[in-house]
């Protein structure tokens, strides 16, 4: 349990994973989908999630260079956890997740 809390603690990690749940996105797309996150914080959290094998960063060498982020198979194992958190939030009248979750 402590590993889970270490990896997913903080304000931004869950919203980032939720943003990537259904499609790969570029940095700017992730940023737009999460109100209030700064570019610096998004960059930091993406690096952390990548180091923990929850997301993958792919660099396409075209010009201009394009970078996309996607949730990994390891990251997808959190789907049930995210759905249960959404149910809890709905039951208690809190809006924690967008409708995509």
PDB file of N, CA and C in Angstrom:
ATOM      1  N   UNK A   1       0.819  -1.197   0.000  1.00  0.00           N
ATOM      2  CA  UNK A   1       0.000   0.000   0.000  1.00  0.00           C
ATOM      3  C   UNK A   1       0.866   1.266   0.000  1.00  0.00           C
ATOM      4  N   UNK A   2       1.983   1.212   0.707  1.00  0.00           N
ATOM      5  CA  UNK A   2       2.836   2.399   0.750  1.00  0.00           C
ATOM      6  C   UNK A   2       3.432   2.694  -0.629  1.00  0.00           C
ATOM      7  N   UNK A   3       3.724   1.651  -1.425  1.00  0.00           N
ATOM      8  CA  UNK A   3       4.222   1.869  -2.786  1.00  0.00           C
ATOM      9  C   UNK A   3       3.171   2.573  -3.638  1.00  0.00           C
ATOM     10  N   UNK A   4       1.921   2.131  -3.511  1.00  0.00           N
ATOM     11  CA  UNK A   4       0.816   2.746  -4.253  1.00  0.00           C
ATOM     12  C   UNK A   4       0.707   4.229  -3.900  1.00  0.00           C
ATOM     13  N   UNK A   5       0.716   4.530  -2.610  1.00  0.00           N
ATOM     14  CA  UNK A   5       0.590   5.914  -2.172  1.00  0.00           C
ATOM     15  C   UNK A   5       1.795   6.752  -2.593  1.00  0.00           C
ATOM     16  N   UNK A   6       2.988   6.154  -2.582  1.00  0.00           N
ATOM     17  CA  UNK A   6       4.177   6.882  -3.013  1.00  0.00           C
ATOM     18  C   UNK A   6       4.079   7.267  -4.491  1.00  0.00           C
ATOM     19  N   UNK A   7       3.665   6.319  -5.309  1.00  0.00           N
ATOM     20  CA  UNK A   7       3.621   6.549  -6.757  1.00  0.00           C
ATOM     21  C   UNK A   7       2.491   7.495  -7.145  1.00  0.00           C
ATOM     22  N   UNK A   8       1.348   7.426  -6.480  1.00  0.00           N
ATOM     23  CA  UNK A   8       0.191   8.218  -6.903  1.00  0.00           C
ATOM     24  C   UNK A   8      -0.139   9.380  -5.978  1.00  0.00           C
ATOM     25  N   UNK A   9       0.782   9.736  -5.091  1.00  0.00           N
ATOM     26  CA  UNK A   9       0.484  10.855  -4.201  1.00  0.00           C
ATOM     27  C   UNK A   9       0.514  12.168  -4.961  1.00  0.00           C
ATOM     28  N   UNK A  10      -0.072  13.168  -4.376  1.00  0.00           N
ATOM     29  CA  UNK A  10      -0.064  14.486  -4.987  1.00  0.00           C
ATOM     30  C   UNK A  10      -1.332  14.791  -5.751  1.00  0.00           C
ATOM     31  N   UNK A  11      -1.399  15.992  -6.207  1.00  0.00           N
ATOM     32  CA  UNK A  11      -2.598  16.531  -6.845  1.00  0.00           C
ATOM     33  C   UNK A  11      -2.742  16.162  -8.322  1.00  0.00           C
ATOM     34  N   UNK A  12      -1.637  15.884  -9.013  1.00  0.00           N
ATOM     35  CA  UNK A  12      -1.663  15.847 -10.469  1.00  0.00           C
ATOM     36  C   UNK A  12      -1.523  14.478 -11.115  1.00  0.00           C
ATOM     37  N   UNK A  13      -0.999  13.494 -10.428  1.00  0.00           N
ATOM     38  CA  UNK A  13      -0.722  12.204 -11.067  1.00  0.00           C
ATOM     39  C   UNK A  13      -1.988  11.506 -11.557  1.00  0.00           C
ATOM     40  N   UNK A  14      -3.013  11.446 -10.730  1.00  0.00           N
ATOM     41  CA  UNK A  14      -4.256  10.800 -11.162  1.00  0.00           C
ATOM     42  C   UNK A  14      -4.907  11.535 -12.338  1.00  0.00           C
ATOM     43  N   UNK A  15      -5.027  12.860 -12.301  1.00  0.00           N
ATOM     44  CA  UNK A  15      -5.587  13.539 -13.479  1.00  0.00           C
ATOM     45  C   UNK A  15      -4.789  13.295 -14.760  1.00  0.00           C
ATOM     46  N   UNK A  16      -3.474  13.187 -14.656  1.00  0.00           N
ATOM     47  CA  UNK A  16      -2.658  12.902 -15.844  1.00  0.00           C
ATOM     48  C   UNK A  16      -2.982  11.511 -16.373  1.00  0.00           C
ATOM     49  N   UNK A  17      -3.044  10.531 -15.486  1.00  0.00           N
ATOM     50  CA  UNK A  17      -3.368   9.163 -15.919  1.00  0.00           C
ATOM     51  C   UNK A  17      -4.763   9.098 -16.522  1.00  0.00           C
ATOM     52  N   UNK A  18      -5.701   9.809 -15.934  1.00  0.00           N
ATOM     53  CA  UNK A  18      -7.065   9.838 -16.475  1.00  0.00           C
ATOM     54  C   UNK A  18      -7.071  10.487 -17.861  1.00  0.00           C
ATOM     55  N   UNK A  19      -6.289  11.552 -18.029  1.00  0.00           N
ATOM     56  CA  UNK A  19      -6.209  12.230 -19.319  1.00  0.00           C
ATOM     57  C   UNK A  19      -5.692  11.299 -20.418  1.00  0.00           C
ATOM     58  N   UNK A  20      -4.787  10.402 -20.054  1.00  0.00           N
ATOM     59  CA  UNK A  20      -4.179   9.498 -21.043  1.00  0.00           C
ATOM     60  C   UNK A  20      -4.918   8.167 -21.164  1.00  0.00           C
ATOM     61  N   UNK A  21      -5.975   7.986 -20.417  1.00  0.00           N
ATOM     62  CA  UNK A  21      -6.635   6.683 -20.339  1.00  0.00           C
ATOM     63  C   UNK A  21      -7.159   6.178 -21.677  1.00  0.00           C
ATOM     64  N   UNK A  22      -7.688   7.049 -22.511  1.00  0.00           N
ATOM     65  CA  UNK A  22      -8.325   6.601 -23.751  1.00  0.00           C
ATOM     66  C   UNK A  22      -7.544   6.901 -25.020  1.00  0.00           C
ATOM     67  N   UNK A  23      -6.565   7.786 -24.930  1.00  0.00           N
ATOM     68  CA  UNK A  23      -5.811   8.115 -26.146  1.00  0.00           C
ATOM     69  C   UNK A  23      -4.454   8.691 -25.807  1.00  0.00           C
ATOM     70  N   UNK A  24      -3.527   8.518 -26.731  1.00  0.00           N
ATOM     71  CA  UNK A  24      -2.210   9.133 -26.600  1.00  0.00           C
ATOM     72  C   UNK A  24      -2.370  10.635 -26.788  1.00  0.00           C
ATOM     73  N   UNK A  25      -1.552  11.398 -26.089  1.00  0.00           N
ATOM     74  CA  UNK A  25      -1.655  12.849 -26.200  1.00  0.00           C
ATOM     75  C   UNK A  25      -0.272  13.483 -26.197  1.00  0.00           C
ATOM     76  N   UNK A  26      -0.222  14.644 -26.802  1.00  0.00           N
ATOM     77  CA  UNK A  26       0.980  15.466 -26.751  1.00  0.00           C
ATOM     78  C   UNK A  26       0.938  16.293 -25.475  1.00  0.00           C
ATOM     79  N   UNK A  27       2.077  16.867 -25.121  1.00  0.00           N
ATOM     80  CA  UNK A  27       2.201  17.645 -23.893  1.00  0.00           C
ATOM     81  C   UNK A  27       1.113  18.717 -23.793  1.00  0.00           C
ATOM     82  N   UNK A  28       0.939  19.473 -24.860  1.00  0.00           N
ATOM     83  CA  UNK A  28      -0.031  20.582 -24.829  1.00  0.00           C
ATOM     84  C   UNK A  28      -1.465  20.072 -24.659  1.00  0.00           C
ATOM     85  N   UNK A  29      -1.771  18.912 -25.220  1.00  0.00           N
ATOM     86  CA  UNK A  29      -3.113  18.341 -25.073  1.00  0.00           C
ATOM     87  C   UNK A  29      -3.375  17.919 -23.629  1.00  0.00           C
ATOM     88  N   UNK A  30      -2.360  17.338 -23.002  1.00  0.00           N
ATOM     89  CA  UNK A  30      -2.494  16.956 -21.591  1.00  0.00           C
ATOM     90  C   UNK A  30      -2.686  18.209 -20.746  1.00  0.00           C
ATOM     91  N   UNK A  31      -1.870  19.216 -21.011  1.00  0.00           N
ATOM     92  CA  UNK A  31      -1.942  20.468 -20.263  1.00  0.00           C
ATOM     93  C   UNK A  31      -3.332  21.093 -20.350  1.00  0.00           C
ATOM     94  N   UNK A  32      -3.904  21.116 -21.541  1.00  0.00           N
ATOM     95  CA  UNK A  32      -5.234  21.701 -21.733  1.00  0.00           C
ATOM     96  C   UNK A  32      -6.328  20.891 -21.043  1.00  0.00           C
ATOM     97  N   UNK A  33      -6.109  19.586 -20.893  1.00  0.00           N
ATOM     98  CA  UNK A  33      -7.138  18.738 -20.296  1.00  0.00           C
ATOM     99  C   UNK A  33      -7.140  18.775 -18.768  1.00  0.00           C
ATOM    100  N   UNK A  34      -6.130  19.425 -18.168  1.00  0.00           N
ATOM    101  CA  UNK A  34      -6.016  19.478 -16.708  1.00  0.00           C
ATOM    102  C   UNK A  34      -5.940  20.943 -16.268  1.00  0.00           C
ATOM    103  N   UNK A  35      -7.077  21.535 -15.937  1.00  0.00           N
ATOM    104  CA  UNK A  35      -7.077  22.947 -15.531  1.00  0.00           C
ATOM    105  C   UNK A  35      -6.205  23.177 -14.291  1.00  0.00           C
ATOM    106  N   UNK A  36      -5.423  24.237 -14.342  1.00  0.00           N
ATOM    107  CA  UNK A  36      -4.641  24.647 -13.185  1.00  0.00           C
ATOM    108  C   UNK A  36      -3.228  24.098 -13.104  1.00  0.00           C
ATOM    109  N   UNK A  37      -2.882  23.117 -13.924  1.00  0.00           N
ATOM    110  CA  UNK A  37      -1.528  22.568 -13.851  1.00  0.00           C
ATOM    111  C   UNK A  37      -0.581  23.459 -14.645  1.00  0.00           C
ATOM    112  N   UNK A  38       0.583  23.718 -14.077  1.00  0.00           N
ATOM    113  CA  UNK A  38       1.578  24.518 -14.790  1.00  0.00           C
ATOM    114  C   UNK A  38       2.400  23.598 -15.697  1.00  0.00           C
ATOM    115  N   UNK A  39       3.033  24.168 -16.691  1.00  0.00           N
ATOM    116  CA  UNK A  39       3.860  23.370 -17.590  1.00  0.00           C
ATOM    117  C   UNK A  39       5.029  22.738 -16.835  1.00  0.00           C
ATOM    118  N   UNK A  40       5.594  23.474 -15.910  1.00  0.00           N
ATOM    119  CA  UNK A  40       6.708  22.941 -15.118  1.00  0.00           C
ATOM    120  C   UNK A  40       6.264  21.726 -14.295  1.00  0.00           C
ATOM    121  N   UNK A  41       5.100  21.833 -13.638  1.00  0.00           N
ATOM    122  CA  UNK A  41       4.602  20.722 -12.834  1.00  0.00           C
ATOM    123  C   UNK A  41       4.228  19.536 -13.714  1.00  0.00           C
ATOM    124  N   UNK A  42       3.608  19.794 -14.859  1.00  0.00           N
ATOM    125  CA  UNK A  42       3.243  18.711 -15.770  1.00  0.00           C
ATOM    126  C   UNK A  42       4.498  17.981 -16.231  1.00  0.00           C
ATOM    127  N   UNK A  43       5.517  18.707 -16.588  1.00  0.00           N
ATOM    128  CA  UNK A  43       6.768  18.095 -17.026  1.00  0.00           C
ATOM    129  C   UNK A  43       7.365  17.217 -15.916  1.00  0.00           C
ATOM    130  N   UNK A  44       7.378  17.723 -14.712  1.00  0.00           N
ATOM    131  CA  UNK A  44       7.913  16.978 -13.561  1.00  0.00           C
ATOM    132  C   UNK A  44       7.114  15.699 -13.312  1.00  0.00           C
ATOM    133  N   UNK A  45       5.800  15.809 -13.328  1.00  0.00           N
ATOM    134  CA  UNK A  45       4.948  14.650 -13.047  1.00  0.00           C
ATOM    135  C   UNK A  45       5.018  13.616 -14.178  1.00  0.00           C
ATOM    136  N   UNK A  46       5.121  14.060 -15.425  1.00  0.00           N
ATOM    137  CA  UNK A  46       5.269  13.122 -16.541  1.00  0.00           C
ATOM    138  C   UNK A  46       6.562  12.329 -16.409  1.00  0.00           C
ATOM    139  N   UNK A  47       7.645  13.001 -16.044  1.00  0.00           N
ATOM    140  CA  UNK A  47       8.915  12.294 -15.836  1.00  0.00           C
ATOM    141  C   UNK A  47       8.790  11.257 -14.725  1.00  0.00           C
ATOM    142  N   UNK A  48       8.137  11.626 -13.626  1.00  0.00           N
ATOM    143  CA  UNK A  48       7.962  10.708 -12.508  1.00  0.00           C
ATOM    144  C   UNK A  48       7.137   9.492 -12.926  1.00  0.00           C
ATOM    145  N   UNK A  49       6.025   9.718 -13.620  1.00  0.00           N
ATOM    146  CA  UNK A  49       5.171   8.609 -14.057  1.00  0.00           C
ATOM    147  C   UNK A  49       5.895   7.718 -15.065  1.00  0.00           C
ATOM    148  N   UNK A  50       6.728   8.320 -15.901  1.00  0.00           N
ATOM    149  CA  UNK A  50       7.509   7.534 -16.859  1.00  0.00           C
ATOM    150  C   UNK A  50       8.551   6.674 -16.132  1.00  0.00           C
ATOM    151  N   UNK A  51       9.219   7.242 -15.151  1.00  0.00           N
ATOM    152  CA  UNK A  51      10.201   6.481 -14.377  1.00  0.00           C
ATOM    153  C   UNK A  51       9.571   5.308 -13.637  1.00  0.00           C
ATOM    154  N   UNK A  52       8.299   5.444 -13.279  1.00  0.00           N
ATOM    155  CA  UNK A  52       7.595   4.381 -12.578  1.00  0.00           C
ATOM    156  C   UNK A  52       6.800   3.484 -13.520  1.00  0.00           C
ATOM    157  N   UNK A  53       7.081   3.590 -14.816  1.00  0.00           N
ATOM    158  CA  UNK A  53       6.512   2.719 -15.844  1.00  0.00           C
ATOM    159  C   UNK A  53       4.989   2.775 -15.933  1.00  0.00           C
ATOM    160  N   UNK A  54       4.411   3.927 -15.601  1.00  0.00           N
ATOM    161  CA  UNK A  54       2.967   4.082 -15.731  1.00  0.00           C
ATOM    162  C   UNK A  54       2.591   4.736 -17.051  1.00  0.00           C
ATOM    163  N   UNK A  55       3.503   5.514 -17.602  1.00  0.00           N
ATOM    164  CA  UNK A  55       3.293   6.105 -18.922  1.00  0.00           C
ATOM    165  C   UNK A  55       4.559   5.899 -19.749  1.00  0.00           C
ATOM    166  N   UNK A  56       4.400   6.060 -21.048  1.00  0.00           N
ATOM    167  CA  UNK A  56       5.513   5.911 -21.984  1.00  0.00           C
ATOM    168  C   UNK A  56       5.572   7.166 -22.843  1.00  0.00           C
ATOM    169  N   UNK A  57       6.764   7.640 -23.086  1.00  0.00           N
ATOM    170  CA  UNK A  57       6.993   8.804 -23.950  1.00  0.00           C
ATOM    171  C   UNK A  57       7.613   8.320 -25.241  1.00  0.00           C
ATOM    172  N   UNK A  58       7.001   8.679 -26.362  1.00  0.00           N
ATOM    173  CA  UNK A  58       7.519   8.290 -27.669  1.00  0.00           C
ATOM    174  C   UNK A  58       7.875   9.546 -28.452  1.00  0.00           C
ATOM    175  N   UNK A  59       9.089   9.543 -28.996  1.00  0.00           N
ATOM    176  CA  UNK A  59       9.567  10.680 -29.787  1.00  0.00           C
ATOM    177  C   UNK A  59       9.550  10.274 -31.253  1.00  0.00           C
ATOM    178  N   UNK A  60       8.827  11.040 -32.047  1.00  0.00           N
ATOM    179  CA  UNK A  60       8.780  10.821 -33.491  1.00  0.00           C
ATOM    180  C   UNK A  60       9.736  11.816 -34.130  1.00  0.00           C
ATOM    181  N   UNK A  61      10.685  11.323 -34.903  1.00  0.00           N
ATOM    182  CA  UNK A  61      11.773  12.130 -35.431  1.00  0.00           C
ATOM    183  C   UNK A  61      11.449  13.001 -36.621  1.00  0.00           C
ATOM    184  N   UNK A  62      10.211  13.140 -36.974  1.00  0.00           N
ATOM    185  CA  UNK A  62       9.854  14.026 -38.088  1.00  0.00           C
ATOM    186  C   UNK A  62      10.253  15.453 -37.734  1.00  0.00           C
ATOM    187  N   UNK A  63      10.154  16.316 -38.725  1.00  0.00           N
ATOM    188  CA  UNK A  63      10.350  17.725 -38.438  1.00  0.00           C
ATOM    189  C   UNK A  63       9.019  18.420 -38.538  1.00  0.00           C
ATOM    190  N   UNK A  64       8.554  19.093 -37.567  1.00  0.00           N
ATOM    191  CA  UNK A  64       9.161  19.233 -36.246  1.00  0.00           C
ATOM    192  C   UNK A  64       9.002  17.940 -35.429  1.00  0.00           C
ATOM    193  N   UNK A  65       9.886  17.767 -34.470  1.00  0.00           N
ATOM    194  CA  UNK A  65       9.847  16.592 -33.605  1.00  0.00           C
ATOM    195  C   UNK A  65       8.513  16.582 -32.854  1.00  0.00           C
ATOM    196  N   UNK A  66       7.906  15.404 -32.800  1.00  0.00           N
ATOM    197  CA  UNK A  66       6.625  15.250 -32.108  1.00  0.00           C
ATOM    198  C   UNK A  66       6.817  14.248 -30.974  1.00  0.00           C
ATOM    199  N   UNK A  67       6.335  14.595 -29.794  1.00  0.00           N
ATOM    200  CA  UNK A  67       6.430  13.714 -28.634  1.00  0.00           C
ATOM    201  C   UNK A  67       5.018  13.411 -28.159  1.00  0.00           C
ATOM    202  N   UNK A  68       4.736  12.126 -27.973  1.00  0.00           N
ATOM    203  CA  UNK A  68       3.433  11.697 -27.464  1.00  0.00           C
ATOM    204  C   UNK A  68       3.615  10.882 -26.204  1.00  0.00           C
ATOM    205  N   UNK A  69       2.627  10.975 -25.345  1.00  0.00           N
ATOM    206  CA  UNK A  69       2.598  10.206 -24.108  1.00  0.00           C
ATOM    207  C   UNK A  69       1.434   9.241 -24.169  1.00  0.00           C
ATOM    208  N   UNK A  70       1.652   8.057 -23.622  1.00  0.00           N
ATOM    209  CA  UNK A  70       0.580   7.064 -23.568  1.00  0.00           C
ATOM    210  C   UNK A  70       0.691   6.286 -22.269  1.00  0.00           C
ATOM    211  N   UNK A  71      -0.421   5.773 -21.830  1.00  0.00           N
ATOM    212  CA  UNK A  71      -0.430   4.949 -20.627  1.00  0.00           C
ATOM    213  C   UNK A  71       0.109   3.568 -20.990  1.00  0.00           C
ATOM    214  N   UNK A  72       0.915   2.979 -20.140  1.00  0.00           N
ATOM    215  CA  UNK A  72       1.496   1.658 -20.393  1.00  0.00           C
ATOM    216  C   UNK A  72       0.533   0.564 -19.923  1.00  0.00           C
ATOM    217  N   UNK A  73       0.858  -0.664 -20.246  1.00  0.00           N
ATOM    218  CA  UNK A  73       0.050  -1.787 -19.744  1.00  0.00           C
ATOM    219  C   UNK A  73       0.063  -1.801 -18.219  1.00  0.00           C
ATOM    220  N   UNK A  74       1.214  -1.487 -17.648  1.00  0.00           N
ATOM    221  CA  UNK A  74       1.316  -1.403 -16.190  1.00  0.00           C
ATOM    222  C   UNK A  74       0.386  -0.309 -15.661  1.00  0.00           C
ATOM    223  N   UNK A  75       0.355   0.820 -16.343  1.00  0.00           N
ATOM    224  CA  UNK A  75      -0.534   1.920 -15.950  1.00  0.00           C
ATOM    225  C   UNK A  75      -1.998   1.560 -16.084  1.00  0.00           C
ATOM    226  N   UNK A  76      -2.315   0.758 -17.089  1.00  0.00           N
ATOM    227  CA  UNK A  76      -3.711   0.343 -17.300  1.00  0.00           C
ATOM    228  C   UNK A  76      -4.226  -0.558 -16.180  1.00  0.00           C
ATOM    229  N   UNK A  77      -3.314  -1.146 -15.411  1.00  0.00           N
ATOM    230  CA  UNK A  77      -3.769  -1.974 -14.293  1.00  0.00           C
ATOM    231  C   UNK A  77      -4.437  -1.130 -13.215  1.00  0.00           C
ATOM    232  N   UNK A  78      -4.329   0.183 -13.306  1.00  0.00           N
ATOM    233  CA  UNK A  78      -4.994   1.076 -12.356  1.00  0.00           C
ATOM    234  C   UNK A  78      -6.437   1.387 -12.736  1.00  0.00           C
ATOM    235  N   UNK A  79      -6.910   0.878 -13.877  1.00  0.00           N
ATOM    236  CA  UNK A  79      -8.269   1.177 -14.327  1.00  0.00           C
ATOM    237  C   UNK A  79      -9.319   0.881 -13.265  1.00  0.00           C
ATOM    238  N   UNK A  80      -9.251  -0.276 -12.646  1.00  0.00           N
ATOM    239  CA  UNK A  80     -10.247  -0.633 -11.639  1.00  0.00           C
ATOM    240  C   UNK A  80     -10.185   0.296 -10.440  1.00  0.00           C
ATOM    241  N   UNK A  81      -8.994   0.681 -10.057  1.00  0.00           N
ATOM    242  CA  UNK A  81      -8.834   1.613  -8.943  1.00  0.00           C
ATOM    243  C   UNK A  81      -9.474   2.952  -9.291  1.00  0.00           C
ATOM    244  N   UNK A  82      -9.218   3.451 -10.504  1.00  0.00           N
ATOM    245  CA  UNK A  82      -9.783   4.731 -10.927  1.00  0.00           C
ATOM    246  C   UNK A  82     -11.299   4.680 -10.987  1.00  0.00           C
ATOM    247  N   UNK A  83     -11.840   3.573 -11.480  1.00  0.00           N
ATOM    248  CA  UNK A  83     -13.296   3.442 -11.538  1.00  0.00           C
ATOM    249  C   UNK A  83     -13.908   3.403 -10.147  1.00  0.00           C
ATOM    250  N   UNK A  84     -13.277   2.721  -9.215  1.00  0.00           N
ATOM    251  CA  UNK A  84     -13.779   2.676  -7.840  1.00  0.00           C
ATOM    252  C   UNK A  84     -13.707   4.044  -7.180  1.00  0.00           C
ATOM    253  N   UNK A  85     -12.639   4.792  -7.443  1.00  0.00           N
ATOM    254  CA  UNK A  85     -12.550   6.152  -6.915  1.00  0.00           C
ATOM    255  C   UNK A  85     -13.656   7.037  -7.486  1.00  0.00           C
ATOM    256  N   UNK A  86     -13.960   6.848  -8.754  1.00  0.00           N
ATOM    257  CA  UNK A  86     -15.037   7.621  -9.374  1.00  0.00           C
ATOM    258  C   UNK A  86     -16.373   7.283  -8.725  1.00  0.00           C
ATOM    259  N   UNK A  87     -16.638   5.995  -8.492  1.00  0.00           N
ATOM    260  CA  UNK A  87     -17.878   5.586  -7.826  1.00  0.00           C
ATOM    261  C   UNK A  87     -17.976   6.207  -6.438  1.00  0.00           C
ATOM    262  N   UNK A  88     -16.874   6.181  -5.716  1.00  0.00           N
ATOM    263  CA  UNK A  88     -16.862   6.753  -4.376  1.00  0.00           C
ATOM    264  C   UNK A  88     -17.194   8.242  -4.436  1.00  0.00           C
ATOM    265  N   UNK A  89     -16.558   8.939  -5.379  1.00  0.00           N
ATOM    266  CA  UNK A  89     -16.777  10.378  -5.518  1.00  0.00           C
ATOM    267  C   UNK A  89     -18.235  10.677  -5.868  1.00  0.00           C
ATOM    268  N   UNK A  90     -18.825   9.868  -6.744  1.00  0.00           N
ATOM    269  CA  UNK A  90     -20.222  10.076  -7.121  1.00  0.00           C
ATOM    270  C   UNK A  90     -21.141   9.825  -5.928  1.00  0.00           C
ATOM    271  N   UNK A  91     -20.859   8.813  -5.175  1.00  0.00           N
ATOM    272  CA  UNK A  91     -21.685   8.465  -4.011  1.00  0.00           C
ATOM    273  C   UNK A  91     -21.654   9.578  -2.964  1.00  0.00           C
ATOM    274  N   UNK A  92     -20.511  10.214  -2.826  1.00  0.00           N
ATOM    275  CA  UNK A  92     -20.350  11.235  -1.803  1.00  0.00           C
ATOM    276  C   UNK A  92     -20.528  12.654  -2.343  1.00  0.00           C
ATOM    277  N   UNK A  93     -21.032  12.745  -3.577  1.00  0.00           N
ATOM    278  CA  UNK A  93     -21.380  14.049  -4.140  1.00  0.00           C
ATOM    279  C   UNK A  93     -20.196  14.928  -4.493  1.00  0.00           C
ATOM    280  N   UNK A  94     -19.046  14.349  -4.691  1.00  0.00           N
ATOM    281  CA  UNK A  94     -17.869  15.123  -5.043  1.00  0.00           C
ATOM    282  C   UNK A  94     -17.537  14.863  -6.507  1.00  0.00           C
ATOM    283  N   UNK A  95     -17.088  15.888  -7.192  1.00  0.00           N
ATOM    284  CA  UNK A  95     -16.655  15.716  -8.578  1.00  0.00           C
ATOM    285  C   UNK A  95     -15.138  15.749  -8.589  1.00  0.00           C
ATOM    286  N   UNK A  96     -14.544  14.561  -8.666  1.00  0.00           N
ATOM    287  CA  UNK A  96     -13.090  14.460  -8.690  1.00  0.00           C
ATOM    288  C   UNK A  96     -12.562  14.149 -10.073  1.00  0.00           C
ATOM    289  N   UNK A  97     -13.393  13.531 -10.901  1.00  0.00           N
ATOM    290  CA  UNK A  97     -12.957  13.081 -12.203  1.00  0.00           C
ATOM    291  C   UNK A  97     -13.903  13.633 -13.256  1.00  0.00           C
ATOM    292  N   UNK A  98     -13.373  13.790 -14.455  1.00  0.00           N
ATOM    293  CA  UNK A  98     -14.239  14.193 -15.545  1.00  0.00           C
ATOM    294  C   UNK A  98     -15.038  13.006 -16.044  1.00  0.00           C
ATOM    295  N   UNK A  99     -15.915  13.229 -16.977  1.00  0.00           N
ATOM    296  CA  UNK A  99     -16.813  12.164 -17.447  1.00  0.00           C
ATOM    297  C   UNK A  99     -16.113  11.099 -18.273  1.00  0.00           C
ATOM    298  N   UNK A 100     -14.857  11.322 -18.692  1.00  0.00           N
ATOM    299  CA  UNK A 100     -14.132  10.330 -19.479  1.00  0.00           C
ATOM    300  C   UNK A 100     -13.706   9.121 -18.658  1.00  0.00           C
ATOM    301  N   UNK A 101     -13.662   9.276 -17.368  1.00  0.00           N
ATOM    302  CA  UNK A 101     -13.159   8.206 -16.515  1.00  0.00           C
ATOM    303  C   UNK A 101     -14.179   7.092 -16.363  1.00  0.00           C
TER     304      UNK A 101
END
